Amino acid sequence: MYTMMYLFDCTMDPGELTLPQAHQAMQIHKYCTVDNCLVRRRARQILVDTGQMILGERANP
């Protein structure tokens, strides 16, 4: 439940996310940037690590 509680707060790292939660977080935070939003940053990293997302050359590491 810890993860879902913080899934909507950009300032809180949600911790480990499942793949479905990472997809959901990306949708919830679609207008955020990884520079400002810890949830989007965590979700993106999970999607990249699992091969669900491939970052372009311009993407921040």
N, C-alpha and C. Protein backbone atom coordinates (compact mmCIF):
# COMPACT_ATOMS: atom_id res chain seq x y z
N MET A 1 0.82 -1.20 0.00
CA MET A 1 0.00 0.00 0.00
C MET A 1 0.86 1.26 0.00
N TYR A 2 2.08 1.15 0.51
CA TYR A 2 2.99 2.30 0.53
C TYR A 2 3.13 2.92 -0.84
N THR A 3 3.33 2.09 -1.85
CA THR A 3 3.53 2.58 -3.20
C THR A 3 2.35 3.39 -3.69
N MET A 4 1.15 2.86 -3.57
CA MET A 4 -0.03 3.53 -4.10
C MET A 4 -0.30 4.83 -3.37
N MET A 5 0.03 4.89 -2.09
CA MET A 5 -0.21 6.10 -1.32
C MET A 5 0.58 7.28 -1.89
N TYR A 6 1.78 7.01 -2.37
CA TYR A 6 2.64 8.08 -2.87
C TYR A 6 2.68 8.17 -4.39
N LEU A 7 1.86 7.42 -5.06
CA LEU A 7 1.88 7.42 -6.52
C LEU A 7 1.43 8.75 -7.12
N PHE A 8 0.70 9.54 -6.36
CA PHE A 8 0.17 10.80 -6.88
C PHE A 8 1.00 12.01 -6.46
N ASP A 9 1.96 11.84 -5.59
CA ASP A 9 2.76 12.95 -5.06
C ASP A 9 4.12 12.99 -5.76
N CYS A 10 4.32 13.99 -6.58
CA CYS A 10 5.56 14.13 -7.37
C CYS A 10 6.81 14.26 -6.50
N THR A 11 6.64 14.69 -5.26
CA THR A 11 7.80 14.95 -4.41
C THR A 11 8.25 13.74 -3.60
N MET A 12 7.49 12.65 -3.67
CA MET A 12 7.81 11.45 -2.89
C MET A 12 8.21 10.31 -3.82
N ASP A 13 9.35 9.69 -3.53
CA ASP A 13 9.74 8.50 -4.29
C ASP A 13 8.81 7.37 -3.88
N PRO A 14 8.11 6.76 -4.83
CA PRO A 14 7.14 5.72 -4.47
C PRO A 14 7.76 4.39 -4.09
N GLY A 15 9.06 4.24 -4.23
CA GLY A 15 9.70 2.97 -3.94
C GLY A 15 9.54 2.03 -5.12
N GLU A 16 9.67 0.75 -4.86
CA GLU A 16 9.58 -0.25 -5.93
C GLU A 16 8.17 -0.26 -6.53
N LEU A 17 8.11 -0.31 -7.84
CA LEU A 17 6.84 -0.38 -8.55
C LEU A 17 6.80 -1.65 -9.38
N THR A 18 5.63 -2.23 -9.50
CA THR A 18 5.46 -3.34 -10.43
C THR A 18 5.39 -2.73 -11.83
N LEU A 19 5.48 -3.56 -12.82
CA LEU A 19 5.38 -3.07 -14.20
C LEU A 19 4.04 -2.38 -14.45
N PRO A 20 2.91 -2.96 -14.05
CA PRO A 20 1.63 -2.26 -14.24
C PRO A 20 1.57 -0.93 -13.48
N GLN A 21 2.14 -0.88 -12.29
CA GLN A 21 2.16 0.37 -11.53
C GLN A 21 3.03 1.41 -12.23
N ALA A 22 4.14 0.99 -12.81
CA ALA A 22 5.00 1.92 -13.53
C ALA A 22 4.27 2.51 -14.74
N HIS A 23 3.53 1.67 -15.46
CA HIS A 23 2.74 2.17 -16.59
C HIS A 23 1.68 3.16 -16.10
N GLN A 24 1.02 2.82 -15.00
CA GLN A 24 -0.01 3.69 -14.45
C GLN A 24 0.60 5.03 -14.00
N ALA A 25 1.75 4.97 -13.36
CA ALA A 25 2.42 6.18 -12.90
C ALA A 25 2.78 7.08 -14.08
N MET A 26 3.22 6.49 -15.17
CA MET A 26 3.56 7.29 -16.36
C MET A 26 2.33 8.00 -16.90
N GLN A 27 1.17 7.36 -16.83
CA GLN A 27 -0.07 7.99 -17.29
C GLN A 27 -0.50 9.09 -16.33
N ILE A 28 -0.42 8.83 -15.04
CA ILE A 28 -0.81 9.84 -14.04
C ILE A 28 0.08 11.07 -14.15
N HIS A 29 1.35 10.86 -14.41
CA HIS A 29 2.33 11.95 -14.43
C HIS A 29 2.78 12.29 -15.85
N LYS A 30 1.90 12.14 -16.81
CA LYS A 30 2.28 12.36 -18.21
C LYS A 30 2.67 13.80 -18.51
N TYR A 31 2.27 14.74 -17.70
CA TYR A 31 2.64 16.14 -17.93
C TYR A 31 3.83 16.56 -17.08
N CYS A 32 4.37 15.65 -16.29
CA CYS A 32 5.54 15.92 -15.46
C CYS A 32 6.82 15.61 -16.25
N THR A 33 7.92 16.11 -15.74
CA THR A 33 9.21 15.75 -16.31
C THR A 33 9.98 14.93 -15.27
N VAL A 34 10.93 14.13 -15.73
CA VAL A 34 11.72 13.34 -14.79
C VAL A 34 12.63 14.23 -13.95
N ASP A 35 12.87 15.46 -14.41
CA ASP A 35 13.68 16.40 -13.63
C ASP A 35 12.95 16.86 -12.38
N ASN A 36 11.61 16.96 -12.45
CA ASN A 36 10.82 17.51 -11.35
C ASN A 36 10.02 16.47 -10.59
N CYS A 37 9.80 15.31 -11.16
CA CYS A 37 8.84 14.35 -10.59
C CYS A 37 9.53 13.03 -10.25
N LEU A 38 9.59 12.73 -8.97
CA LEU A 38 10.24 11.49 -8.53
C LEU A 38 9.46 10.25 -8.94
N VAL A 39 8.15 10.36 -9.03
CA VAL A 39 7.33 9.22 -9.43
C VAL A 39 7.60 8.88 -10.89
N ARG A 40 7.58 9.88 -11.75
CA ARG A 40 7.84 9.64 -13.17
C ARG A 40 9.26 9.12 -13.38
N ARG A 41 10.21 9.67 -12.65
CA ARG A 41 11.60 9.23 -12.76
C ARG A 41 11.73 7.75 -12.40
N ARG A 42 11.10 7.33 -11.29
CA ARG A 42 11.16 5.94 -10.86
C ARG A 42 10.46 5.03 -11.88
N ALA A 43 9.28 5.46 -12.34
CA ALA A 43 8.52 4.65 -13.29
C ALA A 43 9.30 4.49 -14.60
N ARG A 44 9.88 5.57 -15.08
CA ARG A 44 10.64 5.50 -16.33
C ARG A 44 11.82 4.55 -16.19
N GLN A 45 12.51 4.61 -15.06
CA GLN A 45 13.66 3.74 -14.87
C GLN A 45 13.25 2.27 -14.87
N ILE A 46 12.13 1.96 -14.26
CA ILE A 46 11.63 0.57 -14.26
C ILE A 46 11.30 0.14 -15.68
N LEU A 47 10.65 1.00 -16.43
CA LEU A 47 10.29 0.66 -17.81
C LEU A 47 11.53 0.48 -18.68
N VAL A 48 12.53 1.29 -18.47
CA VAL A 48 13.78 1.16 -19.22
C VAL A 48 14.50 -0.13 -18.82
N ASP A 49 14.58 -0.39 -17.51
CA ASP A 49 15.27 -1.59 -17.02
C ASP A 49 14.64 -2.88 -17.52
N THR A 50 13.34 -2.88 -17.72
CA THR A 50 12.64 -4.08 -18.17
C THR A 50 12.49 -4.14 -19.69
N GLY A 51 13.05 -3.16 -20.39
CA GLY A 51 12.99 -3.16 -21.85
C GLY A 51 11.66 -2.71 -22.42
N GLN A 52 10.78 -2.16 -21.58
CA GLN A 52 9.48 -1.67 -22.04
C GLN A 52 9.59 -0.30 -22.70
N MET A 53 10.69 0.40 -22.41
CA MET A 53 10.89 1.75 -22.96
C MET A 53 12.35 1.87 -23.36
N ILE A 54 12.57 2.47 -24.50
CA ILE A 54 13.92 2.75 -24.97
C ILE A 54 14.06 4.26 -25.07
N LEU A 55 15.05 4.81 -24.38
CA LEU A 55 15.24 6.24 -24.37
C LEU A 55 15.96 6.70 -25.63
N GLY A 56 15.54 7.85 -26.12
CA GLY A 56 16.21 8.46 -27.24
C GLY A 56 17.48 9.14 -26.80
N GLU A 57 18.26 9.63 -27.73
CA GLU A 57 19.53 10.27 -27.43
C GLU A 57 19.36 11.53 -26.59
N ARG A 58 18.25 12.24 -26.75
CA ARG A 58 18.03 13.49 -26.04
C ARG A 58 17.54 13.30 -24.61
N ALA A 59 17.14 12.10 -24.25
CA ALA A 59 16.58 11.84 -22.92
C ALA A 59 17.64 12.00 -21.85
N ASN A 60 17.20 12.51 -20.71
CA ASN A 60 18.09 12.62 -19.56
C ASN A 60 18.37 11.23 -19.01
N PRO A 61 19.59 10.98 -18.58
CA PRO A 61 19.91 9.64 -18.03
C PRO A 61 19.21 9.38 -16.71
